[in-house]
N, C-alpha and C. Protein backbone atom coordinates (compact mmCIF):
# COMPACT_ATOMS: atom_id res chain seq x y z
N MET A 1 50.80 -26.65 34.38
CA MET A 1 51.10 -28.10 34.37
C MET A 1 49.90 -28.88 33.92
N LYS A 2 48.75 -28.49 34.43
CA LYS A 2 47.50 -29.15 34.06
C LYS A 2 47.21 -29.00 32.57
N LYS A 3 47.50 -27.79 32.09
CA LYS A 3 47.28 -27.54 30.62
C LYS A 3 48.19 -28.41 29.79
N ARG A 4 49.42 -28.59 30.27
CA ARG A 4 50.43 -29.39 29.54
C ARG A 4 49.96 -30.83 29.51
N ILE A 5 49.41 -31.32 30.62
CA ILE A 5 48.90 -32.72 30.69
C ILE A 5 47.76 -32.88 29.72
N ASN A 6 46.86 -31.89 29.69
CA ASN A 6 45.68 -32.01 28.78
C ASN A 6 46.13 -32.05 27.35
N VAL A 7 47.08 -31.25 26.99
CA VAL A 7 47.61 -31.24 25.62
C VAL A 7 48.25 -32.57 25.34
N TYR A 8 48.98 -33.10 26.29
CA TYR A 8 49.68 -34.39 26.12
C TYR A 8 48.61 -35.50 25.79
N ARG A 9 47.52 -35.45 26.59
CA ARG A 9 46.45 -36.43 26.41
C ARG A 9 45.84 -36.32 25.05
N LEU A 10 45.55 -35.06 24.61
CA LEU A 10 44.90 -34.88 23.32
C LEU A 10 45.81 -35.30 22.14
N VAL A 11 47.08 -35.01 22.31
CA VAL A 11 48.00 -35.42 21.23
C VAL A 11 48.10 -36.95 21.15
N LEU A 12 48.21 -37.62 22.29
CA LEU A 12 48.34 -39.05 22.25
C LEU A 12 47.01 -39.71 21.78
N LEU A 13 45.89 -39.15 22.22
CA LEU A 13 44.60 -39.68 21.77
C LEU A 13 44.44 -39.53 20.29
N ALA A 14 44.86 -38.38 19.75
CA ALA A 14 44.74 -38.16 18.34
C ALA A 14 45.69 -39.11 17.57
N LEU A 15 46.83 -39.38 18.15
CA LEU A 15 47.76 -40.29 17.51
C LEU A 15 47.19 -41.74 17.51
N PHE A 16 46.63 -42.14 18.61
CA PHE A 16 46.02 -43.46 18.69
C PHE A 16 44.82 -43.57 17.73
N ALA A 17 44.08 -42.52 17.63
CA ALA A 17 42.91 -42.55 16.78
C ALA A 17 43.35 -42.63 15.29
N ALA A 18 44.42 -41.90 14.97
CA ALA A 18 44.93 -41.95 13.57
C ALA A 18 45.44 -43.35 13.23
N ILE A 19 46.20 -43.95 14.15
CA ILE A 19 46.72 -45.29 13.92
C ILE A 19 45.59 -46.28 13.84
N SER A 20 44.62 -46.14 14.74
CA SER A 20 43.49 -47.04 14.69
C SER A 20 42.70 -46.96 13.39
N SER A 21 42.57 -45.70 12.89
CA SER A 21 41.84 -45.48 11.59
C SER A 21 42.60 -46.16 10.46
N VAL A 22 43.87 -46.03 10.42
CA VAL A 22 44.71 -46.71 9.36
C VAL A 22 44.52 -48.21 9.48
N LEU A 23 44.60 -48.72 10.65
CA LEU A 23 44.50 -50.14 10.85
C LEU A 23 43.11 -50.66 10.42
N MET A 24 42.12 -49.81 10.55
CA MET A 24 40.75 -50.21 10.21
C MET A 24 40.63 -50.40 8.65
N TYR A 25 41.43 -49.66 7.90
CA TYR A 25 41.41 -49.85 6.45
C TYR A 25 42.08 -51.16 6.04
N LEU A 26 42.91 -51.73 6.87
CA LEU A 26 43.62 -52.93 6.56
C LEU A 26 42.86 -54.16 7.01
N GLU A 27 41.60 -54.24 6.65
CA GLU A 27 40.75 -55.35 7.05
C GLU A 27 40.84 -56.49 6.03
N PHE A 28 40.58 -57.66 6.49
CA PHE A 28 40.61 -58.85 5.61
C PHE A 28 39.63 -59.92 6.12
N ALA A 29 39.14 -60.68 5.22
CA ALA A 29 38.20 -61.73 5.56
C ALA A 29 38.99 -63.03 5.97
N LEU A 30 38.30 -63.84 6.75
CA LEU A 30 38.87 -65.13 7.16
C LEU A 30 38.01 -66.26 6.57
N PRO A 31 38.59 -67.28 6.05
CA PRO A 31 37.78 -68.35 5.40
C PRO A 31 36.82 -69.08 6.33
N ILE A 32 37.00 -69.05 7.59
CA ILE A 32 36.14 -69.73 8.54
C ILE A 32 34.93 -68.92 8.91
N PHE A 33 34.84 -67.67 8.45
CA PHE A 33 33.74 -66.82 8.81
C PHE A 33 33.13 -66.26 7.48
N PRO A 34 31.82 -65.90 7.48
CA PRO A 34 31.22 -65.30 6.27
C PRO A 34 31.97 -64.07 5.83
N GLY A 35 31.91 -63.76 4.53
CA GLY A 35 32.70 -62.66 4.00
C GLY A 35 32.40 -61.33 4.49
N PHE A 36 31.17 -61.08 5.07
CA PHE A 36 30.78 -59.74 5.54
C PHE A 36 31.46 -59.46 6.90
N LEU A 37 32.09 -60.46 7.47
CA LEU A 37 32.83 -60.30 8.74
C LEU A 37 34.31 -60.19 8.44
N LYS A 38 34.91 -59.02 8.66
CA LYS A 38 36.31 -58.84 8.29
C LYS A 38 37.12 -58.38 9.55
N LEU A 39 38.25 -58.94 9.68
CA LEU A 39 39.12 -58.71 10.79
C LEU A 39 40.04 -57.53 10.53
N ASP A 40 40.17 -56.67 11.52
CA ASP A 40 41.24 -55.63 11.46
C ASP A 40 41.76 -55.49 12.89
N PHE A 41 42.87 -54.75 13.05
CA PHE A 41 43.52 -54.64 14.36
C PHE A 41 43.33 -53.26 14.97
N SER A 42 42.26 -52.60 14.62
CA SER A 42 42.12 -51.18 15.05
C SER A 42 41.76 -51.11 16.55
N GLU A 43 41.36 -52.16 17.17
CA GLU A 43 41.05 -52.13 18.60
C GLU A 43 42.31 -52.06 19.46
N PHE A 44 43.44 -52.46 18.90
CA PHE A 44 44.69 -52.47 19.68
C PHE A 44 45.06 -51.05 20.21
N PRO A 45 45.13 -50.00 19.33
CA PRO A 45 45.41 -48.68 19.83
C PRO A 45 44.35 -48.22 20.82
N ALA A 46 43.11 -48.61 20.59
CA ALA A 46 42.02 -48.18 21.48
C ALA A 46 42.14 -48.78 22.85
N LEU A 47 42.64 -50.02 22.91
CA LEU A 47 42.89 -50.69 24.21
C LEU A 47 44.01 -49.99 24.94
N ILE A 48 45.05 -49.68 24.26
CA ILE A 48 46.18 -48.94 24.88
C ILE A 48 45.74 -47.62 25.40
N ALA A 49 44.91 -46.90 24.63
CA ALA A 49 44.34 -45.59 25.08
C ALA A 49 43.49 -45.77 26.29
N ALA A 50 42.72 -46.92 26.34
CA ALA A 50 41.83 -47.14 27.48
C ALA A 50 42.68 -47.36 28.75
N PHE A 51 43.82 -48.05 28.62
CA PHE A 51 44.72 -48.28 29.76
C PHE A 51 45.43 -47.01 30.20
N MET A 52 45.75 -46.14 29.23
CA MET A 52 46.45 -44.93 29.58
C MET A 52 45.57 -43.82 30.08
N PHE A 53 44.36 -43.68 29.53
CA PHE A 53 43.50 -42.57 29.83
C PHE A 53 42.16 -42.92 30.41
N GLY A 54 41.95 -44.21 30.69
CA GLY A 54 40.70 -44.66 31.23
C GLY A 54 39.74 -45.05 30.12
N PRO A 55 38.56 -45.57 30.54
CA PRO A 55 37.61 -46.12 29.54
C PRO A 55 37.14 -45.09 28.53
N LEU A 56 36.97 -43.86 28.95
CA LEU A 56 36.49 -42.82 28.03
C LEU A 56 37.51 -42.54 26.93
N GLY A 57 38.78 -42.66 27.30
CA GLY A 57 39.83 -42.45 26.31
C GLY A 57 39.80 -43.47 25.21
N GLY A 58 39.61 -44.76 25.61
CA GLY A 58 39.47 -45.82 24.64
C GLY A 58 38.24 -45.68 23.76
N ILE A 59 37.14 -45.30 24.38
CA ILE A 59 35.91 -45.14 23.61
C ILE A 59 36.05 -43.93 22.65
N ALA A 60 36.75 -42.88 23.07
CA ALA A 60 37.01 -41.72 22.19
C ALA A 60 37.79 -42.18 20.93
N VAL A 61 38.75 -43.01 21.11
CA VAL A 61 39.58 -43.52 19.97
C VAL A 61 38.65 -44.34 19.07
N ALA A 62 37.81 -45.19 19.64
CA ALA A 62 36.90 -45.98 18.85
C ALA A 62 35.93 -45.11 18.06
N LEU A 63 35.52 -44.04 18.69
CA LEU A 63 34.57 -43.12 18.01
C LEU A 63 35.22 -42.41 16.83
N VAL A 64 36.42 -41.84 17.08
CA VAL A 64 37.13 -41.07 16.03
C VAL A 64 37.51 -41.95 14.87
N LYS A 65 37.96 -43.13 15.13
CA LYS A 65 38.42 -44.04 14.02
C LYS A 65 37.23 -44.33 13.10
N ASN A 66 36.06 -44.47 13.68
CA ASN A 66 34.88 -44.79 12.83
C ASN A 66 34.37 -43.53 12.11
N LEU A 67 34.47 -42.39 12.73
CA LEU A 67 34.09 -41.15 12.04
C LEU A 67 35.07 -40.91 10.85
N LEU A 68 36.36 -41.20 11.08
CA LEU A 68 37.33 -41.08 9.93
C LEU A 68 37.06 -42.05 8.82
N HIS A 69 36.44 -43.17 9.15
CA HIS A 69 36.17 -44.22 8.18
C HIS A 69 34.86 -44.02 7.42
N LEU A 70 33.99 -43.14 7.94
CA LEU A 70 32.68 -42.91 7.36
C LEU A 70 32.72 -42.47 5.86
N PRO A 71 33.67 -41.60 5.43
CA PRO A 71 33.64 -41.13 4.05
C PRO A 71 33.83 -42.28 3.07
N VAL A 72 34.41 -43.39 3.42
CA VAL A 72 34.63 -44.50 2.49
C VAL A 72 33.76 -45.66 2.86
N SER A 73 32.79 -45.49 3.70
CA SER A 73 31.93 -46.54 4.17
C SER A 73 31.20 -47.27 2.96
N LEU A 74 31.21 -48.56 3.01
CA LEU A 74 30.49 -49.34 2.00
C LEU A 74 29.12 -49.87 2.58
N THR A 75 28.81 -49.42 3.81
CA THR A 75 27.63 -49.95 4.50
C THR A 75 26.64 -48.85 4.91
N GLY A 76 26.83 -47.67 4.34
CA GLY A 76 25.93 -46.62 4.72
C GLY A 76 26.06 -46.13 6.16
N GLY A 77 27.21 -46.43 6.76
CA GLY A 77 27.47 -46.03 8.14
C GLY A 77 27.06 -47.14 9.16
N VAL A 78 26.35 -48.14 8.71
CA VAL A 78 25.91 -49.18 9.66
C VAL A 78 27.08 -50.00 10.19
N GLY A 79 28.00 -50.33 9.30
CA GLY A 79 29.18 -51.05 9.75
C GLY A 79 30.02 -50.30 10.75
N GLU A 80 30.14 -49.00 10.52
CA GLU A 80 30.89 -48.13 11.47
C GLU A 80 30.15 -48.05 12.83
N LEU A 81 28.83 -47.91 12.79
CA LEU A 81 28.07 -47.89 14.00
C LEU A 81 28.28 -49.21 14.77
N ALA A 82 28.17 -50.35 14.09
CA ALA A 82 28.38 -51.62 14.70
C ALA A 82 29.74 -51.75 15.33
N ASN A 83 30.73 -51.28 14.53
CA ASN A 83 32.15 -51.38 15.06
C ASN A 83 32.31 -50.53 16.29
N PHE A 84 31.73 -49.33 16.29
CA PHE A 84 31.86 -48.46 17.44
C PHE A 84 31.26 -49.05 18.67
N VAL A 85 30.05 -49.56 18.51
CA VAL A 85 29.35 -50.17 19.64
C VAL A 85 30.11 -51.34 20.23
N ILE A 86 30.55 -52.22 19.38
CA ILE A 86 31.25 -53.45 19.79
C ILE A 86 32.66 -53.11 20.37
N SER A 87 33.38 -52.18 19.66
CA SER A 87 34.69 -51.79 20.15
C SER A 87 34.59 -51.10 21.49
N SER A 88 33.54 -50.30 21.69
CA SER A 88 33.40 -49.59 22.97
C SER A 88 33.16 -50.59 24.09
N ALA A 89 32.46 -51.66 23.84
CA ALA A 89 32.19 -52.63 24.87
C ALA A 89 33.52 -53.28 25.32
N LEU A 90 34.39 -53.54 24.35
CA LEU A 90 35.65 -54.17 24.68
C LEU A 90 36.58 -53.19 25.45
N VAL A 91 36.86 -52.02 24.81
CA VAL A 91 37.83 -51.12 25.44
C VAL A 91 37.29 -50.40 26.65
N GLY A 92 35.97 -50.16 26.67
CA GLY A 92 35.40 -49.48 27.85
C GLY A 92 35.44 -50.38 29.06
N THR A 93 35.09 -51.61 28.88
CA THR A 93 35.11 -52.58 29.99
C THR A 93 36.56 -52.83 30.50
N ALA A 94 37.44 -53.07 29.54
CA ALA A 94 38.86 -53.31 29.91
C ALA A 94 39.44 -52.06 30.59
N GLY A 95 39.15 -50.89 30.03
CA GLY A 95 39.74 -49.67 30.66
C GLY A 95 39.17 -49.40 32.05
N LEU A 96 37.88 -49.70 32.24
CA LEU A 96 37.26 -49.46 33.56
C LEU A 96 37.86 -50.40 34.62
N ILE A 97 38.05 -51.64 34.32
CA ILE A 97 38.63 -52.57 35.28
C ILE A 97 40.10 -52.23 35.56
N TYR A 98 40.83 -51.84 34.51
CA TYR A 98 42.26 -51.53 34.68
C TYR A 98 42.42 -50.24 35.52
N LYS A 99 41.49 -49.33 35.39
CA LYS A 99 41.55 -48.07 36.14
C LYS A 99 41.63 -48.32 37.62
N PHE A 100 41.02 -49.39 38.07
CA PHE A 100 41.02 -49.70 39.52
C PHE A 100 42.00 -50.82 39.90
N ARG A 101 42.66 -51.35 38.89
CA ARG A 101 43.67 -52.44 39.18
C ARG A 101 44.75 -52.34 38.15
N LYS A 102 45.65 -51.44 38.34
CA LYS A 102 46.72 -51.13 37.38
C LYS A 102 47.90 -52.11 37.47
N THR A 103 47.62 -53.33 37.15
CA THR A 103 48.65 -54.36 37.18
C THR A 103 48.51 -55.19 35.90
N LYS A 104 49.47 -56.05 35.67
CA LYS A 104 49.43 -56.97 34.51
C LYS A 104 48.19 -57.88 34.58
N SER A 105 47.93 -58.37 35.78
CA SER A 105 46.73 -59.23 35.93
C SER A 105 45.45 -58.44 35.78
N GLY A 106 45.50 -57.17 36.23
CA GLY A 106 44.30 -56.26 36.02
C GLY A 106 44.03 -56.04 34.57
N ALA A 107 45.12 -55.87 33.77
CA ALA A 107 44.96 -55.70 32.33
C ALA A 107 44.39 -56.99 31.68
N LEU A 108 44.87 -58.14 32.13
CA LEU A 108 44.38 -59.42 31.59
C LEU A 108 42.93 -59.66 31.94
N ILE A 109 42.61 -59.40 33.21
CA ILE A 109 41.19 -59.55 33.62
C ILE A 109 40.29 -58.55 32.88
N GLY A 110 40.74 -57.35 32.74
CA GLY A 110 39.99 -56.35 32.04
C GLY A 110 39.71 -56.73 30.59
N MET A 111 40.72 -57.24 29.94
CA MET A 111 40.53 -57.60 28.50
C MET A 111 39.69 -58.85 28.39
N ALA A 112 39.82 -59.80 29.33
CA ALA A 112 38.91 -61.00 29.34
C ALA A 112 37.47 -60.60 29.52
N ALA A 113 37.22 -59.70 30.48
CA ALA A 113 35.86 -59.24 30.74
C ALA A 113 35.41 -58.40 29.54
N GLY A 114 36.31 -57.64 28.96
CA GLY A 114 35.94 -56.81 27.77
C GLY A 114 35.52 -57.68 26.60
N THR A 115 36.27 -58.78 26.39
CA THR A 115 35.88 -59.73 25.32
C THR A 115 34.51 -60.30 25.51
N VAL A 116 34.19 -60.69 26.76
CA VAL A 116 32.87 -61.19 27.08
C VAL A 116 31.84 -60.13 26.86
N ALA A 117 32.14 -58.88 27.29
CA ALA A 117 31.18 -57.81 27.05
C ALA A 117 30.96 -57.55 25.59
N MET A 118 32.04 -57.63 24.80
CA MET A 118 31.91 -57.46 23.34
C MET A 118 31.05 -58.50 22.71
N CYS A 119 31.17 -59.73 23.16
CA CYS A 119 30.35 -60.80 22.60
C CYS A 119 28.89 -60.63 22.92
N VAL A 120 28.61 -60.30 24.21
CA VAL A 120 27.25 -60.08 24.64
C VAL A 120 26.58 -58.88 23.93
N THR A 121 27.37 -57.79 23.92
CA THR A 121 26.85 -56.57 23.27
C THR A 121 26.67 -56.81 21.77
N GLY A 122 27.61 -57.51 21.17
CA GLY A 122 27.52 -57.80 19.70
C GLY A 122 26.28 -58.62 19.44
N PHE A 123 26.07 -59.61 20.28
CA PHE A 123 24.86 -60.47 20.08
C PHE A 123 23.60 -59.63 20.07
N LEU A 124 23.42 -58.85 21.12
CA LEU A 124 22.17 -58.07 21.29
C LEU A 124 22.06 -56.99 20.17
N ALA A 125 23.18 -56.27 19.97
CA ALA A 125 23.14 -55.17 19.02
C ALA A 125 22.91 -55.68 17.61
N ASN A 126 23.52 -56.74 17.22
CA ASN A 126 23.32 -57.29 15.87
C ASN A 126 21.93 -57.91 15.68
N TYR A 127 21.44 -58.60 16.66
CA TYR A 127 20.13 -59.27 16.45
C TYR A 127 18.99 -58.20 16.43
N PHE A 128 19.07 -57.23 17.34
CA PHE A 128 17.93 -56.32 17.44
C PHE A 128 18.10 -55.01 16.62
N VAL A 129 19.30 -54.60 16.32
CA VAL A 129 19.51 -53.31 15.69
C VAL A 129 20.29 -53.39 14.36
N MET A 130 21.47 -53.95 14.34
CA MET A 130 22.37 -53.85 13.20
C MET A 130 21.85 -54.61 11.96
N LEU A 131 21.49 -55.87 12.17
CA LEU A 131 21.01 -56.65 11.00
C LEU A 131 19.76 -56.04 10.38
N PRO A 132 18.77 -55.60 11.17
CA PRO A 132 17.62 -54.88 10.58
C PRO A 132 18.05 -53.60 9.86
N LEU A 133 19.05 -52.91 10.47
CA LEU A 133 19.51 -51.66 9.78
C LEU A 133 20.18 -51.98 8.43
N TYR A 134 20.99 -53.05 8.39
CA TYR A 134 21.56 -53.42 7.11
C TYR A 134 20.48 -53.66 6.02
N ASP A 135 19.37 -54.23 6.47
CA ASP A 135 18.25 -54.45 5.56
C ASP A 135 17.67 -53.13 5.10
N ARG A 136 17.43 -52.26 6.06
CA ARG A 136 16.76 -50.97 5.77
C ARG A 136 17.63 -50.01 4.92
N VAL A 137 18.90 -49.99 5.32
CA VAL A 137 19.84 -49.03 4.67
C VAL A 137 20.35 -49.53 3.27
N MET A 138 20.71 -50.88 3.28
CA MET A 138 21.44 -51.40 2.13
C MET A 138 20.62 -52.42 1.31
N GLY A 139 19.46 -52.82 1.89
CA GLY A 139 18.72 -53.89 1.25
C GLY A 139 19.40 -55.26 1.43
N PHE A 140 20.24 -55.33 2.43
CA PHE A 140 20.95 -56.56 2.73
C PHE A 140 20.07 -57.37 3.66
N THR A 141 19.15 -58.12 3.06
CA THR A 141 18.11 -58.80 3.82
C THR A 141 18.58 -59.94 4.72
N GLU A 142 17.69 -60.34 5.60
CA GLU A 142 17.99 -61.49 6.47
C GLU A 142 18.27 -62.75 5.63
N GLU A 143 17.53 -62.90 4.56
CA GLU A 143 17.67 -64.08 3.74
C GLU A 143 19.05 -64.10 3.09
N LYS A 144 19.52 -62.94 2.65
CA LYS A 144 20.88 -62.89 2.03
C LYS A 144 21.96 -63.16 3.09
N ILE A 145 21.80 -62.65 4.23
CA ILE A 145 22.74 -62.87 5.35
C ILE A 145 22.80 -64.32 5.70
N VAL A 146 21.62 -64.93 5.80
CA VAL A 146 21.57 -66.37 6.13
C VAL A 146 22.21 -67.20 5.05
N ALA A 147 21.94 -66.81 3.80
CA ALA A 147 22.50 -67.60 2.67
C ALA A 147 24.02 -67.51 2.65
N ILE A 148 24.59 -66.29 2.82
CA ILE A 148 26.05 -66.12 2.87
C ILE A 148 26.64 -66.89 4.05
N SER A 149 25.99 -66.82 5.19
CA SER A 149 26.55 -67.49 6.35
C SER A 149 26.44 -68.98 6.29
N SER A 150 25.33 -69.51 5.72
CA SER A 150 25.14 -70.97 5.65
C SER A 150 26.10 -71.59 4.57
N ALA A 151 26.63 -70.76 3.66
CA ALA A 151 27.60 -71.25 2.71
C ALA A 151 28.88 -71.65 3.43
N ILE A 152 29.14 -71.02 4.55
CA ILE A 152 30.32 -71.32 5.32
C ILE A 152 30.02 -72.26 6.49
N ILE A 153 28.88 -72.04 7.16
CA ILE A 153 28.47 -72.84 8.32
C ILE A 153 27.09 -73.43 7.97
N PRO A 154 27.03 -74.64 7.45
CA PRO A 154 25.81 -75.17 6.85
C PRO A 154 24.61 -75.21 7.77
N PHE A 155 24.81 -75.38 9.09
CA PHE A 155 23.66 -75.49 9.98
C PHE A 155 22.99 -74.23 10.34
N ILE A 156 23.46 -73.13 9.78
CA ILE A 156 22.80 -71.78 10.01
C ILE A 156 21.55 -71.72 9.17
N LYS A 157 20.44 -71.45 9.84
CA LYS A 157 19.13 -71.47 9.15
C LYS A 157 18.36 -70.13 9.26
N ASN A 158 18.70 -69.30 10.26
CA ASN A 158 17.93 -68.08 10.45
C ASN A 158 18.83 -66.98 11.10
N LYS A 159 18.27 -65.85 11.36
CA LYS A 159 19.04 -64.73 11.90
C LYS A 159 19.63 -64.99 13.27
N PHE A 160 18.90 -65.75 14.09
CA PHE A 160 19.42 -66.09 15.41
C PHE A 160 20.66 -66.95 15.25
N ASP A 161 20.61 -67.93 14.34
CA ASP A 161 21.77 -68.77 14.09
C ASP A 161 22.98 -67.94 13.56
N VAL A 162 22.73 -66.94 12.69
CA VAL A 162 23.80 -66.15 12.20
C VAL A 162 24.51 -65.43 13.33
N VAL A 163 23.72 -64.85 14.24
CA VAL A 163 24.30 -64.09 15.35
C VAL A 163 25.04 -65.06 16.34
N LEU A 164 24.41 -66.18 16.60
CA LEU A 164 24.97 -67.15 17.59
C LEU A 164 26.19 -67.85 17.11
N TRP A 165 26.15 -68.38 15.87
CA TRP A 165 27.19 -69.23 15.32
C TRP A 165 28.19 -68.57 14.38
N SER A 166 27.93 -67.35 13.98
CA SER A 166 28.79 -66.68 13.07
C SER A 166 29.38 -65.39 13.69
N ILE A 167 28.52 -64.43 14.04
CA ILE A 167 29.00 -63.18 14.55
C ILE A 167 29.61 -63.29 15.96
N THR A 168 28.94 -64.02 16.84
CA THR A 168 29.50 -64.13 18.20
C THR A 168 30.87 -64.83 18.21
N PRO A 169 31.04 -65.95 17.55
CA PRO A 169 32.37 -66.53 17.49
C PRO A 169 33.40 -65.62 16.84
N PHE A 170 33.01 -64.85 15.89
CA PHE A 170 33.95 -63.90 15.25
C PHE A 170 34.40 -62.84 16.26
N ASN A 171 33.44 -62.31 17.02
CA ASN A 171 33.76 -61.30 18.06
C ASN A 171 34.62 -61.93 19.17
N LEU A 172 34.36 -63.16 19.48
CA LEU A 172 35.19 -63.83 20.48
C LEU A 172 36.63 -63.96 19.97
N PHE A 173 36.74 -64.43 18.69
CA PHE A 173 38.06 -64.59 18.07
C PHE A 173 38.79 -63.26 18.06
N LYS A 174 38.09 -62.20 17.63
CA LYS A 174 38.71 -60.90 17.52
C LYS A 174 39.13 -60.38 18.88
N GLY A 175 38.28 -60.53 19.89
CA GLY A 175 38.64 -60.07 21.24
C GLY A 175 39.85 -60.81 21.78
N ILE A 176 39.95 -62.10 21.51
CA ILE A 176 41.14 -62.86 21.94
C ILE A 176 42.38 -62.37 21.24
N ILE A 177 42.29 -62.18 19.97
CA ILE A 177 43.46 -61.68 19.20
C ILE A 177 43.90 -60.32 19.65
N MET A 178 42.95 -59.37 19.80
CA MET A 178 43.35 -58.03 20.26
C MET A 178 43.92 -58.08 21.68
N SER A 179 43.33 -58.87 22.53
CA SER A 179 43.80 -58.98 23.93
C SER A 179 45.20 -59.59 23.99
N THR A 180 45.40 -60.62 23.15
CA THR A 180 46.71 -61.31 23.14
C THR A 180 47.80 -60.37 22.66
N ILE A 181 47.58 -59.62 21.63
CA ILE A 181 48.57 -58.67 21.10
C ILE A 181 48.85 -57.58 22.18
N THR A 182 47.83 -57.09 22.79
CA THR A 182 47.99 -56.06 23.80
C THR A 182 48.73 -56.60 25.03
N PHE A 183 48.41 -57.80 25.43
CA PHE A 183 49.03 -58.42 26.60
C PHE A 183 50.50 -58.70 26.35
N LEU A 184 50.82 -59.14 25.18
CA LEU A 184 52.22 -59.44 24.86
C LEU A 184 53.10 -58.17 24.81
N LEU A 185 52.44 -57.07 24.45
CA LEU A 185 53.19 -55.78 24.35
C LEU A 185 53.10 -54.99 25.67
N TYR A 186 52.28 -55.50 26.61
CA TYR A 186 52.03 -54.75 27.83
C TYR A 186 53.31 -54.41 28.62
N LYS A 187 54.25 -55.36 28.67
CA LYS A 187 55.46 -55.20 29.40
C LYS A 187 56.24 -53.98 28.89
N HIS A 188 56.28 -53.88 27.54
CA HIS A 188 57.04 -52.74 26.90
C HIS A 188 56.29 -51.42 27.07
N LEU A 189 55.00 -51.49 27.22
CA LEU A 189 54.19 -50.27 27.28
C LEU A 189 53.80 -49.86 28.73
N SER A 190 54.03 -50.79 29.69
CA SER A 190 53.44 -50.58 31.05
C SER A 190 54.00 -49.35 31.76
N THR A 191 55.34 -49.10 31.54
CA THR A 191 55.92 -47.91 32.19
C THR A 191 55.26 -46.62 31.70
N LEU A 192 55.06 -46.54 30.39
CA LEU A 192 54.36 -45.33 29.79
C LEU A 192 52.95 -45.27 30.26
N ILE A 193 52.26 -46.45 30.30
CA ILE A 193 50.88 -46.45 30.73
C ILE A 193 50.66 -45.98 32.11
N LYS A 194 51.50 -46.52 33.04
CA LYS A 194 51.38 -46.19 34.46
C LYS A 194 51.75 -44.77 34.81
N LYS A 195 52.57 -44.17 33.94
CA LYS A 195 52.99 -42.78 34.26
C LYS A 195 52.04 -41.74 33.61
N THR A 196 51.10 -42.20 32.85
CA THR A 196 50.21 -41.28 32.21
C THR A 196 48.99 -41.01 33.12
N PRO A 197 48.66 -39.77 33.40
CA PRO A 197 47.51 -39.42 34.19
C PRO A 197 46.19 -39.92 33.56
N ALA A 198 45.45 -40.75 34.21
CA ALA A 198 44.22 -41.32 33.62
C ALA A 198 43.15 -40.25 33.62
N ALA A 199 42.22 -40.40 32.62
CA ALA A 199 41.12 -39.49 32.55
C ALA A 199 40.13 -39.81 33.59
């Protein structure tokens, strides 16, 4: 029985990772944000996985989707690393809270906390790690990033402004969108989620 459950988990996690990877390819820019920030819906399957299998299940989906995206990376892997770190903050936090409060309100609280965690993690990771890595790996300098960002948001003048007024609002917007989609579909998925043995 235990072996059957483990196989069931692996199959569903693989399915969620595959769906998440496909959704990651369907990214698009939004006119209110700089062009290097692109929206996709790949966190949705990872959130469902986090609710079904616990925070590690969601993080596993986030990891696999980015590994599958690496062969076509246009950022030398930096974008995938950033996506993994930020996605993990969202789905890991949401999944952890839901693990101890398996209700609709628990899912909502978890996703709200996850969105905040994603914004805070994104701010720190981008300012101290990711933006310097873009410069080192791709030659995408701070000056270029500021120039692209200020073309959309004129009062951006430096790297701190980019992270505060461009990347953080984008992550907030993305977190709200992913959480809203998941919450709207929660009722249809809740029976399956609650019957699945959590990791």
